Amino acid sequence: MADPILRLEGVHTHIGQYHILQGVDFEVPRGELTVLLGRNGAGKTTTLRTIMGLWKPSRGRVVFDGQDIGGRDTPDIAQGGIAYVPEAMGIFADLTVRENMILAARDGAPDQARLDWIFSFFPALKKFWSLAAGHLSGGQKQMLSIARAVVEPRRLILIDEPTKGIAPAIIENMIRAFQDLKRSDTTILLVEQNFRFASMLGDGVVVMDDGRIVHRDRMAALAGDPAAQTRLLGLSLDAHQ
C-alpha cells in the first residue's frame, strides 16, 4: 500500500449542538482511489467538508502531505492542491460553461491539452461551451462540476456522490475519467452510494456509521464478501446487478 497523502487522526466535528464526527481515523494512500461508504447520515459529507476546511474540527488532526491543515481556511487548503466536488455540484448557473472553467483555472486560461482530455470524457461540455450552465441537464452539470475540479492537476480530489441521479451512459464516462486520473497519480477520496460504481473504481474502502469508522479494507475484499456488505451497508453487490 502506498504512503498516505491524507490522514485523519481522532477527528471530531461539531455543527452547532450536534456532534457529527466522533473520533474519525483513516488514511488515504497516495495515488489511489479510496471510497468512503456508509448509510445516509453516517457523516461522510461532513468528513469531506471538514477536510476542506468548510467545517473546523473541534478535536483531532487532518494531515495532508505531512502538514496539519485542520485549522486552515478553505482557500489555503485549495491552494495546497486539494479540489472538492460537492454533492450540490457548486457551479455558477448564470455563467457559461467556458466561464465556469476559466474561473476554475489558476491563471484564468485553461490549458488546451487539459481541456481536450476533459472533452474526451465529457463531450457535452464542448458542445455546450457557450451555454449558460444553468441550462445544462443534471448529468451535464455534474460533468461540469467534475471538470472544474480537474481542469488543473490536483494532488487530491474529494468527490461527493458523483453518480446521484445521473444516467448510466454518463456514469460509464465518469468511470473512464476517474480511471485515467488514477493513472496520472491523482489521489481521490470518493463518497458514493452506488456500490457497483464504487467497487469498480476503489482501491481501498472505509465505512462510516454514526460519525465513526467501523471498517477499513481493500475494496476487492469487501466487493467479494456479500455478508459484510449487508452487515455494514444494508445492501449487497448483487442488489445492483
C-alpha atoms as a PDB file:
ATOM      1  CA  MET A   1       0.000   0.000   0.000  1.00  0.00           C
ATOM      2  CA  ALA A   2       1.251   3.484  -0.871  1.00  0.00           C
ATOM      3  CA  ASP A   3       2.119   6.004   1.822  1.00  0.00           C
ATOM      4  CA  PRO A   4      -0.815   8.198   2.883  1.00  0.00           C
ATOM      5  CA  ILE A   5      -1.213  11.643   1.351  1.00  0.00           C
ATOM      6  CA  LEU A   6      -4.092  12.315   3.775  1.00  0.00           C
ATOM      7  CA  ARG A   7      -4.562  11.130   7.329  1.00  0.00           C
ATOM      8  CA  LEU A   8      -7.357  11.853   9.796  1.00  0.00           C
ATOM      9  CA  GLU A   9      -6.416  11.325  13.433  1.00  0.00           C
ATOM     10  CA  GLY A  10      -9.195  11.280  16.016  1.00  0.00           C
ATOM     11  CA  VAL A  11     -11.197  13.974  14.232  1.00  0.00           C
ATOM     12  CA  HIS A  12     -14.287  15.340  15.964  1.00  0.00           C
ATOM     13  CA  THR A  13     -16.563  17.865  14.278  1.00  0.00           C
ATOM     14  CA  HIS A  14     -19.436  19.700  15.906  1.00  0.00           C
ATOM     15  CA  ILE A  15     -22.064  21.555  13.895  1.00  0.00           C
ATOM     16  CA  GLY A  16     -23.917  23.727  16.363  1.00  0.00           C
ATOM     17  CA  GLN A  17     -25.043  21.461  19.165  1.00  0.00           C
ATOM     18  CA  TYR A  18     -24.615  18.318  17.078  1.00  0.00           C
ATOM     19  CA  HIS A  19     -21.548  16.114  17.492  1.00  0.00           C
ATOM     20  CA  ILE A  20     -21.275  14.712  13.944  1.00  0.00           C
ATOM     21  CA  LEU A  21     -17.774  13.219  13.653  1.00  0.00           C
ATOM     22  CA  GLN A  22     -16.765  11.304  16.746  1.00  0.00           C
ATOM     23  CA  GLY A  23     -13.114  10.349  16.538  1.00  0.00           C
ATOM     24  CA  VAL A  24     -12.639   9.621  12.829  1.00  0.00           C
ATOM     25  CA  ASP A  25      -9.384   7.847  11.941  1.00  0.00           C
ATOM     26  CA  PHE A  26      -8.377   6.721   8.460  1.00  0.00           C
ATOM     27  CA  GLU A  27      -5.732   7.170   5.773  1.00  0.00           C
ATOM     28  CA  VAL A  28      -5.918   7.859   2.041  1.00  0.00           C
ATOM     29  CA  PRO A  29      -2.931   6.251   0.261  1.00  0.00           C
ATOM     30  CA  ARG A  30      -1.151   8.375  -2.309  1.00  0.00           C
ATOM     31  CA  GLY A  31      -2.125   7.660  -5.927  1.00  0.00           C
ATOM     32  CA  GLU A  32      -5.126   5.512  -5.021  1.00  0.00           C
ATOM     33  CA  LEU A  33      -8.890   5.939  -5.077  1.00  0.00           C
ATOM     34  CA  THR A  34     -10.344   5.437  -1.615  1.00  0.00           C
ATOM     35  CA  VAL A  35     -14.104   5.074  -1.279  1.00  0.00           C
ATOM     36  CA  LEU A  36     -15.901   6.357   1.811  1.00  0.00           C
ATOM     37  CA  LEU A  37     -19.111   4.383   2.266  1.00  0.00           C
ATOM     38  CA  GLY A  38     -21.909   4.444   4.823  1.00  0.00           C
ATOM     39  CA  ARG A  39     -25.616   4.756   5.281  1.00  0.00           C
ATOM     40  CA  ASN A  40     -27.347   8.137   4.972  1.00  0.00           C
ATOM     41  CA  GLY A  41     -26.426  10.394   7.878  1.00  0.00           C
ATOM     42  CA  ALA A  42     -23.256   8.475   8.751  1.00  0.00           C
ATOM     43  CA  GLY A  43     -21.071  11.588   8.470  1.00  0.00           C
ATOM     44  CA  LYS A  44     -19.482  11.125   5.047  1.00  0.00           C
ATOM     45  CA  THR A  45     -20.204  14.601   3.663  1.00  0.00           C
ATOM     46  CA  THR A  46     -19.217  16.189   6.973  1.00  0.00           C
ATOM     47  CA  THR A  47     -15.894  14.355   6.691  1.00  0.00           C
ATOM     48  CA  LEU A  48     -15.225  15.848   3.247  1.00  0.00           C
ATOM     49  CA  ARG A  49     -16.280  19.305   4.376  1.00  0.00           C
ATOM     50  CA  THR A  50     -14.023  19.041   7.435  1.00  0.00           C
ATOM     51  CA  ILE A  51     -11.040  18.055   5.285  1.00  0.00           C
ATOM     52  CA  MET A  52     -11.766  21.025   3.003  1.00  0.00           C
ATOM     53  CA  GLY A  53     -11.997  23.469   5.903  1.00  0.00           C
ATOM     54  CA  LEU A  54     -15.682  24.255   5.431  1.00  0.00           C
ATOM     55  CA  TRP A  55     -16.216  22.882   8.939  1.00  0.00           C
ATOM     56  CA  LYS A  56     -13.436  23.150  11.515  1.00  0.00           C
ATOM     57  CA  PRO A  57     -12.562  20.064  13.554  1.00  0.00           C
ATOM     58  CA  SER A  58     -13.184  20.597  17.252  1.00  0.00           C
ATOM     59  CA  ARG A  59     -10.558  17.985  18.088  1.00  0.00           C
ATOM     60  CA  GLY A  60      -8.060  15.805  16.242  1.00  0.00           C
ATOM     61  CA  ARG A  61      -5.798  16.358  13.232  1.00  0.00           C
ATOM     62  CA  VAL A  62      -6.290  16.475   9.463  1.00  0.00           C
ATOM     63  CA  VAL A  63      -2.844  15.855   7.983  1.00  0.00           C
ATOM     64  CA  PHE A  64      -2.262  16.481   4.272  1.00  0.00           C
ATOM     65  CA  ASP A  65       1.149  15.542   2.928  1.00  0.00           C
ATOM     66  CA  GLY A  66       2.687  15.891   6.378  1.00  0.00           C
ATOM     67  CA  GLN A  67       1.040  19.227   7.246  1.00  0.00           C
ATOM     68  CA  ASP A  68      -1.809  19.668   9.732  1.00  0.00           C
ATOM     69  CA  ILE A  69      -4.471  21.582   7.774  1.00  0.00           C
ATOM     70  CA  GLY A  70      -7.272  21.185  10.314  1.00  0.00           C
ATOM     71  CA  GLY A  71      -7.392  24.839  11.306  1.00  0.00           C
ATOM     72  CA  ARG A  72      -6.747  26.384   7.890  1.00  0.00           C
ATOM     73  CA  ASP A  73      -9.193  28.323   5.750  1.00  0.00           C
ATOM     74  CA  THR A  74     -10.682  26.686   2.666  1.00  0.00           C
ATOM     75  CA  PRO A  75      -8.839  28.884   0.094  1.00  0.00           C
ATOM     76  CA  ASP A  76      -5.492  27.973   1.685  1.00  0.00           C
ATOM     77  CA  ILE A  77      -6.367  24.271   1.565  1.00  0.00           C
ATOM     78  CA  ALA A  78      -7.378  24.567  -2.092  1.00  0.00           C
ATOM     79  CA  GLN A  79      -4.132  26.378  -2.906  1.00  0.00           C
ATOM     80  CA  GLY A  80      -2.280  23.438  -1.370  1.00  0.00           C
ATOM     81  CA  GLY A  81      -3.601  21.143  -4.086  1.00  0.00           C
ATOM     82  CA  ILE A  82      -6.955  19.787  -2.867  1.00  0.00           C
ATOM     83  CA  ALA A  83     -10.080  20.088  -5.018  1.00  0.00           C
ATOM     84  CA  TYR A  84     -13.649  19.451  -3.856  1.00  0.00           C
ATOM     85  CA  VAL A  85     -16.654  18.360  -5.911  1.00  0.00           C
ATOM     86  CA  PRO A  86     -19.671  18.807  -3.598  1.00  0.00           C
ATOM     87  CA  GLU A  87     -22.898  16.864  -3.953  1.00  0.00           C
ATOM     88  CA  ALA A  88     -24.614  20.172  -4.792  1.00  0.00           C
ATOM     89  CA  MET A  89     -22.178  20.499  -7.762  1.00  0.00           C
ATOM     90  CA  GLY A  90     -21.024  24.048  -6.975  1.00  0.00           C
ATOM     91  CA  ILE A  91     -21.252  25.556 -10.455  1.00  0.00           C
ATOM     92  CA  PHE A  92     -22.175  29.117 -11.440  1.00  0.00           C
ATOM     93  CA  ALA A  93     -25.535  28.759 -13.175  1.00  0.00           C
ATOM     94  CA  ASP A  94     -25.558  32.237 -14.735  1.00  0.00           C
ATOM     95  CA  LEU A  95     -22.130  31.822 -16.304  1.00  0.00           C
ATOM     96  CA  THR A  96     -21.358  29.821 -19.430  1.00  0.00           C
ATOM     97  CA  VAL A  97     -19.549  26.507 -19.347  1.00  0.00           C
ATOM     98  CA  ARG A  98     -16.474  28.334 -20.661  1.00  0.00           C
ATOM     99  CA  GLU A  99     -16.650  30.996 -17.938  1.00  0.00           C
ATOM    100  CA  ASN A 100     -17.050  28.319 -15.254  1.00  0.00           C
ATOM    101  CA  MET A 101     -13.898  26.618 -16.496  1.00  0.00           C
ATOM    102  CA  ILE A 102     -11.946  29.883 -16.707  1.00  0.00           C
ATOM    103  CA  LEU A 103     -12.771  30.661 -13.073  1.00  0.00           C
ATOM    104  CA  ALA A 104     -11.530  27.215 -12.032  1.00  0.00           C
ATOM    105  CA  ALA A 105      -8.187  27.620 -13.837  1.00  0.00           C
ATOM    106  CA  ARG A 106      -5.371  29.114 -11.792  1.00  0.00           C
ATOM    107  CA  ASP A 107      -4.277  31.620 -14.421  1.00  0.00           C
ATOM    108  CA  GLY A 108      -7.720  32.227 -15.931  1.00  0.00           C
ATOM    109  CA  ALA A 109      -6.839  30.308 -19.084  1.00  0.00           C
ATOM    110  CA  PRO A 110      -7.364  26.535 -19.052  1.00  0.00           C
ATOM    111  CA  ASP A 111      -4.629  24.535 -20.766  1.00  0.00           C
ATOM    112  CA  GLN A 112      -5.970  23.410 -24.155  1.00  0.00           C
ATOM    113  CA  ALA A 113      -4.463  19.940 -23.885  1.00  0.00           C
ATOM    114  CA  ARG A 114      -6.124  19.536 -20.499  1.00  0.00           C
ATOM    115  CA  LEU A 115      -9.438  20.732 -21.947  1.00  0.00           C
ATOM    116  CA  ASP A 116      -9.166  18.266 -24.838  1.00  0.00           C
ATOM    117  CA  TRP A 117      -8.594  15.488 -22.306  1.00  0.00           C
ATOM    118  CA  ILE A 118     -11.727  16.565 -20.387  1.00  0.00           C
ATOM    119  CA  PHE A 119     -13.768  16.776 -23.602  1.00  0.00           C
ATOM    120  CA  SER A 120     -12.761  13.201 -24.481  1.00  0.00           C
ATOM    121  CA  PHE A 121     -14.745  12.000 -21.454  1.00  0.00           C
ATOM    122  CA  PHE A 122     -17.427  14.703 -21.316  1.00  0.00           C
ATOM    123  CA  PRO A 123     -18.079  15.794 -24.932  1.00  0.00           C
ATOM    124  CA  ALA A 124     -21.272  17.614 -23.940  1.00  0.00           C
ATOM    125  CA  LEU A 125     -19.144  20.297 -22.285  1.00  0.00           C
ATOM    126  CA  LYS A 126     -17.523  21.107 -25.613  1.00  0.00           C
ATOM    127  CA  LYS A 127     -20.900  21.068 -27.364  1.00  0.00           C
ATOM    128  CA  PHE A 128     -22.426  23.490 -24.839  1.00  0.00           C
ATOM    129  CA  TRP A 129     -19.253  25.542 -24.278  1.00  0.00           C
ATOM    130  CA  SER A 130     -21.050  28.881 -24.739  1.00  0.00           C
ATOM    131  CA  LEU A 131     -24.296  27.919 -22.988  1.00  0.00           C
ATOM    132  CA  ALA A 132     -25.203  29.173 -19.522  1.00  0.00           C
ATOM    133  CA  ALA A 133     -24.509  26.341 -17.075  1.00  0.00           C
ATOM    134  CA  GLY A 134     -27.957  26.677 -15.555  1.00  0.00           C
ATOM    135  CA  HIS A 135     -29.456  25.338 -18.802  1.00  0.00           C
ATOM    136  CA  LEU A 136     -27.497  22.078 -18.659  1.00  0.00           C
ATOM    137  CA  SER A 137     -29.138  18.820 -17.628  1.00  0.00           C
ATOM    138  CA  GLY A 138     -28.403  17.393 -14.205  1.00  0.00           C
ATOM    139  CA  GLY A 139     -25.857  14.983 -15.634  1.00  0.00           C
ATOM    140  CA  GLN A 140     -24.166  17.717 -17.658  1.00  0.00           C
ATOM    141  CA  LYS A 141     -23.942  19.927 -14.563  1.00  0.00           C
ATOM    142  CA  GLN A 142     -22.246  17.071 -12.741  1.00  0.00           C
ATOM    143  CA  MET A 143     -19.797  16.723 -15.645  1.00  0.00           C
ATOM    144  CA  LEU A 144     -19.017  20.434 -15.365  1.00  0.00           C
ATOM    145  CA  SER A 145     -18.526  20.221 -11.619  1.00  0.00           C
ATOM    146  CA  ILE A 146     -16.006  17.396 -12.023  1.00  0.00           C
ATOM    147  CA  ALA A 147     -14.332  19.156 -14.961  1.00  0.00           C
ATOM    148  CA  ARG A 148     -13.852  22.304 -12.863  1.00  0.00           C
ATOM    149  CA  ALA A 149     -12.118  20.226 -10.186  1.00  0.00           C
ATOM    150  CA  VAL A 150      -9.690  18.599 -12.632  1.00  0.00           C
ATOM    151  CA  VAL A 151      -9.047  21.484 -15.067  1.00  0.00           C
ATOM    152  CA  GLU A 152      -5.763  21.919 -13.190  1.00  0.00           C
ATOM    153  CA  PRO A 153      -3.723  18.945 -11.938  1.00  0.00           C
ATOM    154  CA  ARG A 154      -4.594  18.341  -8.290  1.00  0.00           C
ATOM    155  CA  ARG A 155      -2.837  16.277  -5.670  1.00  0.00           C
ATOM    156  CA  LEU A 156      -6.082  15.193  -4.013  1.00  0.00           C
ATOM    157  CA  ILE A 157      -9.702  15.374  -5.193  1.00  0.00           C
ATOM    158  CA  LEU A 158     -12.656  14.997  -2.815  1.00  0.00           C
ATOM    159  CA  ILE A 159     -15.812  13.947  -4.665  1.00  0.00           C
ATOM    160  CA  ASP A 160     -19.243  13.650  -3.043  1.00  0.00           C
ATOM    161  CA  GLU A 161     -21.723  11.252  -4.716  1.00  0.00           C
ATOM    162  CA  PRO A 162     -20.982  11.995  -8.381  1.00  0.00           C
ATOM    163  CA  THR A 163     -23.458   9.420  -9.752  1.00  0.00           C
ATOM    164  CA  LYS A 164     -26.515  10.616  -7.831  1.00  0.00           C
ATOM    165  CA  GLY A 165     -29.367  10.998 -10.335  1.00  0.00           C
ATOM    166  CA  ILE A 166     -27.022  10.511 -13.312  1.00  0.00           C
ATOM    167  CA  ALA A 167     -27.797   8.449 -16.440  1.00  0.00           C
ATOM    168  CA  PRO A 168     -25.854   5.160 -16.892  1.00  0.00           C
ATOM    169  CA  ALA A 169     -24.090   6.386 -20.056  1.00  0.00           C
ATOM    170  CA  ILE A 170     -22.620   9.358 -18.180  1.00  0.00           C
ATOM    171  CA  ILE A 171     -21.599   7.078 -15.308  1.00  0.00           C
ATOM    172  CA  GLU A 172     -19.577   4.979 -17.767  1.00  0.00           C
ATOM    173  CA  ASN A 173     -17.757   8.131 -18.896  1.00  0.00           C
ATOM    174  CA  MET A 174     -17.083   9.025 -15.261  1.00  0.00           C
ATOM    175  CA  ILE A 175     -15.569   5.611 -14.656  1.00  0.00           C
ATOM    176  CA  ARG A 176     -13.176   6.086 -17.567  1.00  0.00           C
ATOM    177  CA  ALA A 177     -12.290   9.612 -16.415  1.00  0.00           C
ATOM    178  CA  PHE A 178     -11.555   8.506 -12.842  1.00  0.00           C
ATOM    179  CA  GLN A 179      -9.510   5.547 -14.062  1.00  0.00           C
ATOM    180  CA  ASP A 180      -7.448   7.920 -16.188  1.00  0.00           C
ATOM    181  CA  LEU A 181      -6.984  10.279 -13.236  1.00  0.00           C
ATOM    182  CA  LYS A 182      -5.689   7.372 -11.157  1.00  0.00           C
ATOM    183  CA  ARG A 183      -3.153   6.549 -13.857  1.00  0.00           C
ATOM    184  CA  SER A 184      -1.906  10.148 -13.635  1.00  0.00           C
ATOM    185  CA  ASP A 185      -1.106   9.652  -9.916  1.00  0.00           C
ATOM    186  CA  THR A 186      -4.028  11.775  -8.770  1.00  0.00           C
ATOM    187  CA  THR A 187      -5.352  10.686  -5.384  1.00  0.00           C
ATOM    188  CA  ILE A 188      -9.141  10.562  -4.986  1.00  0.00           C
ATOM    189  CA  LEU A 189     -11.381  10.286  -1.925  1.00  0.00           C
ATOM    190  CA  LEU A 190     -14.845   9.386  -3.184  1.00  0.00           C
ATOM    191  CA  VAL A 191     -18.143   9.335  -1.282  1.00  0.00           C
ATOM    192  CA  GLU A 192     -20.589   7.163  -3.188  1.00  0.00           C
ATOM    193  CA  GLN A 193     -23.877   5.329  -2.597  1.00  0.00           C
ATOM    194  CA  ASN A 194     -23.734   3.316  -5.837  1.00  0.00           C
ATOM    195  CA  PHE A 195     -21.783   0.314  -4.592  1.00  0.00           C
ATOM    196  CA  ARG A 196     -21.256  -1.196  -8.032  1.00  0.00           C
ATOM    197  CA  PHE A 197     -19.698   2.077  -9.263  1.00  0.00           C
ATOM    198  CA  ALA A 198     -17.572   2.295  -6.127  1.00  0.00           C
ATOM    199  CA  SER A 199     -16.405  -1.311  -6.372  1.00  0.00           C
ATOM    200  CA  MET A 200     -15.293  -0.839  -9.987  1.00  0.00           C
ATOM    201  CA  LEU A 201     -13.044   2.091  -9.083  1.00  0.00           C
ATOM    202  CA  GLY A 202     -11.982   1.742  -5.479  1.00  0.00           C
ATOM    203  CA  ASP A 203      -8.590   0.548  -4.332  1.00  0.00           C
ATOM    204  CA  GLY A 204      -9.386   0.919  -0.661  1.00  0.00           C
ATOM    205  CA  VAL A 205     -12.642   1.339   1.254  1.00  0.00           C
ATOM    206  CA  VAL A 206     -13.556   2.985   4.534  1.00  0.00           C
ATOM    207  CA  VAL A 207     -17.025   2.508   6.035  1.00  0.00           C
ATOM    208  CA  MET A 208     -18.617   5.016   8.417  1.00  0.00           C
ATOM    209  CA  ASP A 209     -21.535   4.644  10.778  1.00  0.00           C
ATOM    210  CA  ASP A 210     -22.858   7.252  13.203  1.00  0.00           C
ATOM    211  CA  GLY A 211     -19.816   9.505  12.874  1.00  0.00           C
ATOM    212  CA  ARG A 212     -17.230   6.758  13.394  1.00  0.00           C
ATOM    213  CA  ILE A 213     -15.127   4.497  11.196  1.00  0.00           C
ATOM    214  CA  VAL A 214     -16.358   0.924  11.537  1.00  0.00           C
ATOM    215  CA  HIS A 215     -14.465  -0.854   8.742  1.00  0.00           C
ATOM    216  CA  ARG A 216     -11.299  -0.444   6.646  1.00  0.00           C
ATOM    217  CA  ASP A 217     -10.241  -2.845   3.889  1.00  0.00           C
ATOM    218  CA  ARG A 218      -9.216  -3.209   0.289  1.00  0.00           C
ATOM    219  CA  MET A 219     -12.242  -2.713  -1.958  1.00  0.00           C
ATOM    220  CA  ALA A 220     -11.751  -6.087  -3.650  1.00  0.00           C
ATOM    221  CA  ALA A 221     -12.191  -7.823  -0.299  1.00  0.00           C
ATOM    222  CA  LEU A 222     -15.461  -6.037   0.522  1.00  0.00           C
ATOM    223  CA  ALA A 223     -16.763  -6.494  -3.040  1.00  0.00           C
ATOM    224  CA  GLY A 224     -16.234 -10.224  -2.674  1.00  0.00           C
ATOM    225  CA  ASP A 225     -17.973 -10.501   0.716  1.00  0.00           C
ATOM    226  CA  PRO A 226     -21.786 -10.132   0.407  1.00  0.00           C
ATOM    227  CA  ALA A 227     -22.260 -10.827   4.110  1.00  0.00           C
ATOM    228  CA  ALA A 228     -20.010  -7.915   5.060  1.00  0.00           C
ATOM    229  CA  GLN A 229     -21.786  -5.670   2.557  1.00  0.00           C
ATOM    230  CA  THR A 230     -25.139  -6.467   4.134  1.00  0.00           C
ATOM    231  CA  ARG A 231     -23.822  -6.109   7.690  1.00  0.00           C
ATOM    232  CA  LEU A 232     -22.044  -2.803   7.074  1.00  0.00           C
ATOM    233  CA  LEU A 233     -24.233  -1.155   4.453  1.00  0.00           C
ATOM    234  CA  GLY A 234     -27.579  -2.937   4.480  1.00  0.00           C
ATOM    235  CA  LEU A 235     -27.103  -3.990   0.864  1.00  0.00           C
ATOM    236  CA  SER A 236     -25.033  -6.278  -1.308  1.00  0.00           C
ATOM    237  CA  LEU A 237     -23.385  -6.005  -4.692  1.00  0.00           C
ATOM    238  CA  ASP A 238     -25.973  -8.486  -6.002  1.00  0.00           C
ATOM    239  CA  ALA A 239     -28.671  -5.877  -5.367  1.00  0.00           C
ATOM    240  CA  HIS A 240     -27.067  -3.706  -8.068  1.00  0.00           C
ATOM    241  CA  GLN A 241     -26.898  -6.426 -10.738  1.00  0.00           C
END
